[in-house]
C-alpha cells in the first residue's frame, strides 16, 4: 500500500461520516421545498402513495451519491497535494 493510500484512510473515514450527515441535511431541505412537508415518507408509511415513497428514496439516493462523490474527490485531491500522488 503506497503512502497516499495510507494518508487517505483517515481522511476518507472522516469525510465519509461528514458527507453522510451533510447529505441527510441537504435531502431534508430539498424535500421541504419539493414536498412542502417537514418529513420525507418512509417506505412503511401507510398513508403515502408508492410514487411519493419511491420518489423520495430516489432523490435521497441521488443526493447522497453526489455529496459522497464530491467529498471523496475533494479528499483525494487534498491527499495528492500533501503527498504528491493520487490515493486511488
N, C-alpha and C. Protein backbone atom coordinates (compact mmCIF):
# COMPACT_ATOMS: atom_id res chain seq x y z
N UNK A 1 0.86 -1.18 0.00
CA UNK A 1 0.00 0.00 0.00
C UNK A 1 0.90 1.24 0.00
N UNK A 2 0.64 2.16 -0.92
CA UNK A 2 1.50 3.33 -1.01
C UNK A 2 1.15 4.39 0.04
N UNK A 3 2.01 5.37 0.18
CA UNK A 3 1.86 6.41 1.20
C UNK A 3 0.57 7.20 1.03
N UNK A 4 0.20 7.48 -0.21
CA UNK A 4 -1.02 8.26 -0.45
C UNK A 4 -2.26 7.51 0.03
N UNK A 5 -2.30 6.20 -0.21
CA UNK A 5 -3.44 5.42 0.25
C UNK A 5 -3.52 5.39 1.76
N UNK A 6 -2.38 5.25 2.41
CA UNK A 6 -2.35 5.25 3.88
C UNK A 6 -2.78 6.61 4.42
N UNK A 7 -2.31 7.68 3.79
CA UNK A 7 -2.68 9.03 4.23
C UNK A 7 -4.16 9.30 4.00
N UNK A 8 -4.71 8.66 2.97
CA UNK A 8 -6.12 8.91 2.64
C UNK A 8 -7.08 8.18 3.57
N UNK A 9 -6.67 7.08 4.18
CA UNK A 9 -7.58 6.29 5.02
C UNK A 9 -8.29 7.13 6.08
N UNK A 10 -7.59 7.84 6.96
CA UNK A 10 -8.31 8.63 7.97
C UNK A 10 -9.11 9.78 7.35
N UNK A 11 -8.59 10.36 6.28
CA UNK A 11 -9.31 11.43 5.60
C UNK A 11 -10.61 10.88 5.03
N UNK A 12 -10.53 9.71 4.41
CA UNK A 12 -11.71 9.09 3.81
C UNK A 12 -12.76 8.71 4.84
N UNK A 13 -12.33 8.19 5.98
CA UNK A 13 -13.27 7.82 7.03
C UNK A 13 -14.00 9.04 7.58
N UNK A 14 -13.26 10.06 7.88
CA UNK A 14 -13.86 11.29 8.39
C UNK A 14 -14.77 11.94 7.35
N UNK A 15 -14.28 11.99 6.12
CA UNK A 15 -15.07 12.59 5.04
C UNK A 15 -16.36 11.81 4.81
N UNK A 16 -16.30 10.50 4.92
CA UNK A 16 -17.49 9.67 4.72
C UNK A 16 -18.55 9.95 5.77
N UNK A 17 -18.13 10.07 7.01
CA UNK A 17 -19.08 10.36 8.08
C UNK A 17 -19.70 11.75 7.91
N UNK A 18 -18.86 12.72 7.60
CA UNK A 18 -19.36 14.09 7.43
C UNK A 18 -20.24 14.22 6.20
N UNK A 19 -19.87 13.52 5.13
CA UNK A 19 -20.69 13.62 3.91
C UNK A 19 -22.06 12.97 4.10
N UNK A 20 -22.13 11.91 4.89
CA UNK A 20 -23.43 11.30 5.18
C UNK A 20 -24.35 12.25 5.93
N UNK A 21 -23.79 12.94 6.92
CA UNK A 21 -24.59 13.91 7.67
C UNK A 21 -25.00 15.08 6.78
N UNK A 22 -24.07 15.55 5.97
CA UNK A 22 -24.38 16.67 5.07
C UNK A 22 -25.44 16.28 4.06
N UNK A 23 -25.34 15.08 3.51
CA UNK A 23 -26.32 14.62 2.52
C UNK A 23 -27.71 14.52 3.15
N UNK A 24 -27.78 14.04 4.37
CA UNK A 24 -29.07 13.96 5.06
C UNK A 24 -29.68 15.33 5.26
N UNK A 25 -28.86 16.30 5.64
CA UNK A 25 -29.36 17.66 5.84
C UNK A 25 -29.82 18.29 4.52
N UNK A 26 -29.05 18.06 3.46
CA UNK A 26 -29.42 18.60 2.14
C UNK A 26 -30.73 17.98 1.69
N UNK A 27 -30.87 16.66 1.85
CA UNK A 27 -32.10 15.99 1.43
C UNK A 27 -33.31 16.54 2.17
N UNK A 28 -33.19 16.74 3.47
CA UNK A 28 -34.32 17.27 4.25
C UNK A 28 -34.75 18.64 3.73
N UNK A 29 -33.77 19.49 3.41
CA UNK A 29 -34.10 20.82 2.90
C UNK A 29 -34.74 20.74 1.51
N UNK A 30 -34.20 19.90 0.66
CA UNK A 30 -34.76 19.74 -0.69
C UNK A 30 -36.18 19.18 -0.60
N UNK A 31 -36.39 18.21 0.28
CA UNK A 31 -37.73 17.62 0.40
C UNK A 31 -38.74 18.65 0.91
N UNK A 32 -38.32 19.50 1.83
CA UNK A 32 -39.22 20.55 2.32
C UNK A 32 -39.68 21.45 1.18
N UNK A 33 -38.75 21.78 0.29
CA UNK A 33 -39.09 22.66 -0.83
C UNK A 33 -39.97 21.92 -1.85
N UNK A 34 -39.61 20.69 -2.18
CA UNK A 34 -40.36 19.93 -3.19
C UNK A 34 -41.67 19.36 -2.66
N UNK A 35 -41.63 18.85 -1.44
CA UNK A 35 -42.80 18.18 -0.92
C UNK A 35 -43.69 19.03 -0.05
N UNK A 36 -43.22 20.20 0.30
CA UNK A 36 -43.98 21.10 1.17
C UNK A 36 -44.34 20.41 2.49
N UNK A 37 -43.49 19.52 2.93
CA UNK A 37 -43.71 18.80 4.18
C UNK A 37 -42.41 18.78 4.96
N UNK A 38 -42.52 18.59 6.26
CA UNK A 38 -41.33 18.56 7.11
C UNK A 38 -40.53 17.28 6.91
N UNK A 39 -41.21 16.14 6.87
CA UNK A 39 -40.52 14.86 6.78
C UNK A 39 -40.82 14.15 5.47
N UNK A 40 -39.80 13.48 4.95
CA UNK A 40 -39.99 12.66 3.76
C UNK A 40 -40.68 11.37 4.16
N UNK A 41 -41.38 10.74 3.24
CA UNK A 41 -42.07 9.49 3.59
C UNK A 41 -41.10 8.33 3.77
N UNK A 42 -41.43 7.47 4.69
CA UNK A 42 -40.70 6.21 4.85
C UNK A 42 -41.38 5.16 4.00
N UNK A 43 -40.67 4.10 3.71
CA UNK A 43 -41.23 3.02 2.89
C UNK A 43 -42.45 2.38 3.55
N UNK A 44 -42.54 2.46 4.86
CA UNK A 44 -43.64 1.80 5.57
C UNK A 44 -44.75 2.76 5.99
N UNK A 45 -44.70 4.01 5.50
CA UNK A 45 -45.78 4.96 5.79
C UNK A 45 -47.04 4.52 5.04
N UNK A 46 -48.02 4.09 5.77
CA UNK A 46 -49.24 3.55 5.17
C UNK A 46 -50.03 4.60 4.39
N UNK A 47 -49.97 5.84 4.83
CA UNK A 47 -50.76 6.90 4.22
C UNK A 47 -50.11 7.54 2.99
N UNK A 48 -48.93 7.09 2.65
CA UNK A 48 -48.22 7.66 1.50
C UNK A 48 -48.37 6.75 0.28
N UNK A 49 -48.41 7.36 -0.90
CA UNK A 49 -48.53 6.59 -2.14
C UNK A 49 -47.16 6.03 -2.55
N UNK A 50 -47.20 4.98 -3.35
CA UNK A 50 -45.97 4.37 -3.86
C UNK A 50 -45.11 5.41 -4.56
N UNK A 51 -45.72 6.20 -5.39
CA UNK A 51 -44.99 7.19 -6.18
C UNK A 51 -44.20 8.14 -5.29
N UNK A 52 -44.83 8.60 -4.25
CA UNK A 52 -44.19 9.54 -3.33
C UNK A 52 -43.03 8.89 -2.58
N UNK A 53 -43.23 7.66 -2.12
CA UNK A 53 -42.19 6.94 -1.39
C UNK A 53 -40.99 6.68 -2.29
N UNK A 54 -41.24 6.21 -3.51
CA UNK A 54 -40.14 5.90 -4.43
C UNK A 54 -39.42 7.16 -4.90
N UNK A 55 -40.15 8.24 -5.11
CA UNK A 55 -39.51 9.50 -5.48
C UNK A 55 -38.59 9.99 -4.36
N UNK A 56 -39.06 9.92 -3.14
CA UNK A 56 -38.23 10.36 -2.01
C UNK A 56 -36.98 9.49 -1.89
N UNK A 57 -37.12 8.19 -2.06
CA UNK A 57 -35.96 7.29 -1.96
C UNK A 57 -34.95 7.55 -3.07
N UNK A 58 -35.44 7.75 -4.28
CA UNK A 58 -34.54 8.02 -5.41
C UNK A 58 -33.82 9.36 -5.23
N UNK A 59 -34.54 10.36 -4.79
CA UNK A 59 -33.94 11.67 -4.56
C UNK A 59 -32.88 11.60 -3.45
N UNK A 60 -33.21 10.91 -2.38
CA UNK A 60 -32.27 10.77 -1.28
C UNK A 60 -31.00 10.05 -1.74
N UNK A 61 -31.16 9.00 -2.52
CA UNK A 61 -30.01 8.25 -3.03
C UNK A 61 -29.14 9.09 -3.95
N UNK A 62 -29.78 9.86 -4.82
CA UNK A 62 -29.02 10.71 -5.74
C UNK A 62 -28.24 11.79 -5.00
N UNK A 63 -28.88 12.40 -4.02
CA UNK A 63 -28.19 13.44 -3.23
C UNK A 63 -27.03 12.83 -2.46
N UNK A 64 -27.26 11.68 -1.83
CA UNK A 64 -26.19 11.03 -1.07
C UNK A 64 -25.02 10.68 -1.98
N UNK A 65 -25.29 10.12 -3.16
CA UNK A 65 -24.22 9.74 -4.08
C UNK A 65 -23.43 10.95 -4.55
N UNK A 66 -24.11 12.04 -4.86
CA UNK A 66 -23.43 13.24 -5.34
C UNK A 66 -22.57 13.87 -4.24
N UNK A 67 -23.10 13.95 -3.04
CA UNK A 67 -22.32 14.53 -1.93
C UNK A 67 -21.12 13.65 -1.60
N UNK A 68 -21.32 12.33 -1.58
CA UNK A 68 -20.22 11.41 -1.30
C UNK A 68 -19.13 11.49 -2.37
N UNK A 69 -19.53 11.53 -3.63
CA UNK A 69 -18.55 11.63 -4.72
C UNK A 69 -17.76 12.93 -4.62
N UNK A 70 -18.44 14.03 -4.35
CA UNK A 70 -17.75 15.32 -4.23
C UNK A 70 -16.79 15.31 -3.04
N UNK A 71 -17.21 14.72 -1.95
CA UNK A 71 -16.36 14.65 -0.76
C UNK A 71 -15.15 13.75 -0.99
N UNK A 72 -15.38 12.59 -1.59
CA UNK A 72 -14.27 11.67 -1.88
C UNK A 72 -13.27 12.30 -2.84
N UNK A 73 -13.78 12.96 -3.85
CA UNK A 73 -12.91 13.61 -4.82
C UNK A 73 -12.09 14.72 -4.18
N UNK A 74 -12.74 15.51 -3.33
CA UNK A 74 -12.03 16.57 -2.64
C UNK A 74 -10.97 16.04 -1.69
N UNK A 75 -11.29 14.95 -0.99
CA UNK A 75 -10.31 14.33 -0.10
C UNK A 75 -9.13 13.78 -0.86
N UNK A 76 -9.38 13.12 -1.97
CA UNK A 76 -8.29 12.58 -2.79
C UNK A 76 -7.41 13.70 -3.34
N UNK A 77 -8.03 14.79 -3.74
CA UNK A 77 -7.27 15.93 -4.24
C UNK A 77 -6.39 16.52 -3.14
N UNK A 78 -6.92 16.61 -1.93
CA UNK A 78 -6.14 17.13 -0.80
C UNK A 78 -4.96 16.22 -0.49
N UNK A 79 -5.18 14.91 -0.54
CA UNK A 79 -4.08 13.97 -0.28
C UNK A 79 -3.02 14.10 -1.36
N UNK A 80 -3.43 14.27 -2.61
CA UNK A 80 -2.46 14.44 -3.69
C UNK A 80 -1.63 15.69 -3.47
N UNK A 81 -2.26 16.75 -2.99
CA UNK A 81 -1.50 17.99 -2.71
C UNK A 81 -0.48 17.76 -1.60
N UNK A 82 -0.86 16.96 -0.59
CA UNK A 82 0.04 16.73 0.54
C UNK A 82 1.16 15.74 0.21
N UNK A 83 0.85 14.70 -0.56
CA UNK A 83 1.81 13.62 -0.80
C UNK A 83 2.42 13.64 -2.19
N UNK A 84 1.76 14.29 -3.13
CA UNK A 84 2.26 14.32 -4.49
C UNK A 84 1.75 13.17 -5.36
N UNK A 85 1.02 12.23 -4.77
CA UNK A 85 0.47 11.12 -5.56
C UNK A 85 -1.02 10.94 -5.26
N UNK A 86 -1.73 10.41 -6.25
CA UNK A 86 -3.16 10.18 -6.14
C UNK A 86 -3.39 8.93 -5.30
N UNK A 87 -4.33 8.96 -4.35
CA UNK A 87 -4.52 7.81 -3.44
C UNK A 87 -5.28 6.64 -4.05
N UNK A 88 -5.72 6.72 -5.25
CA UNK A 88 -6.52 5.66 -5.86
C UNK A 88 -5.75 4.46 -6.16
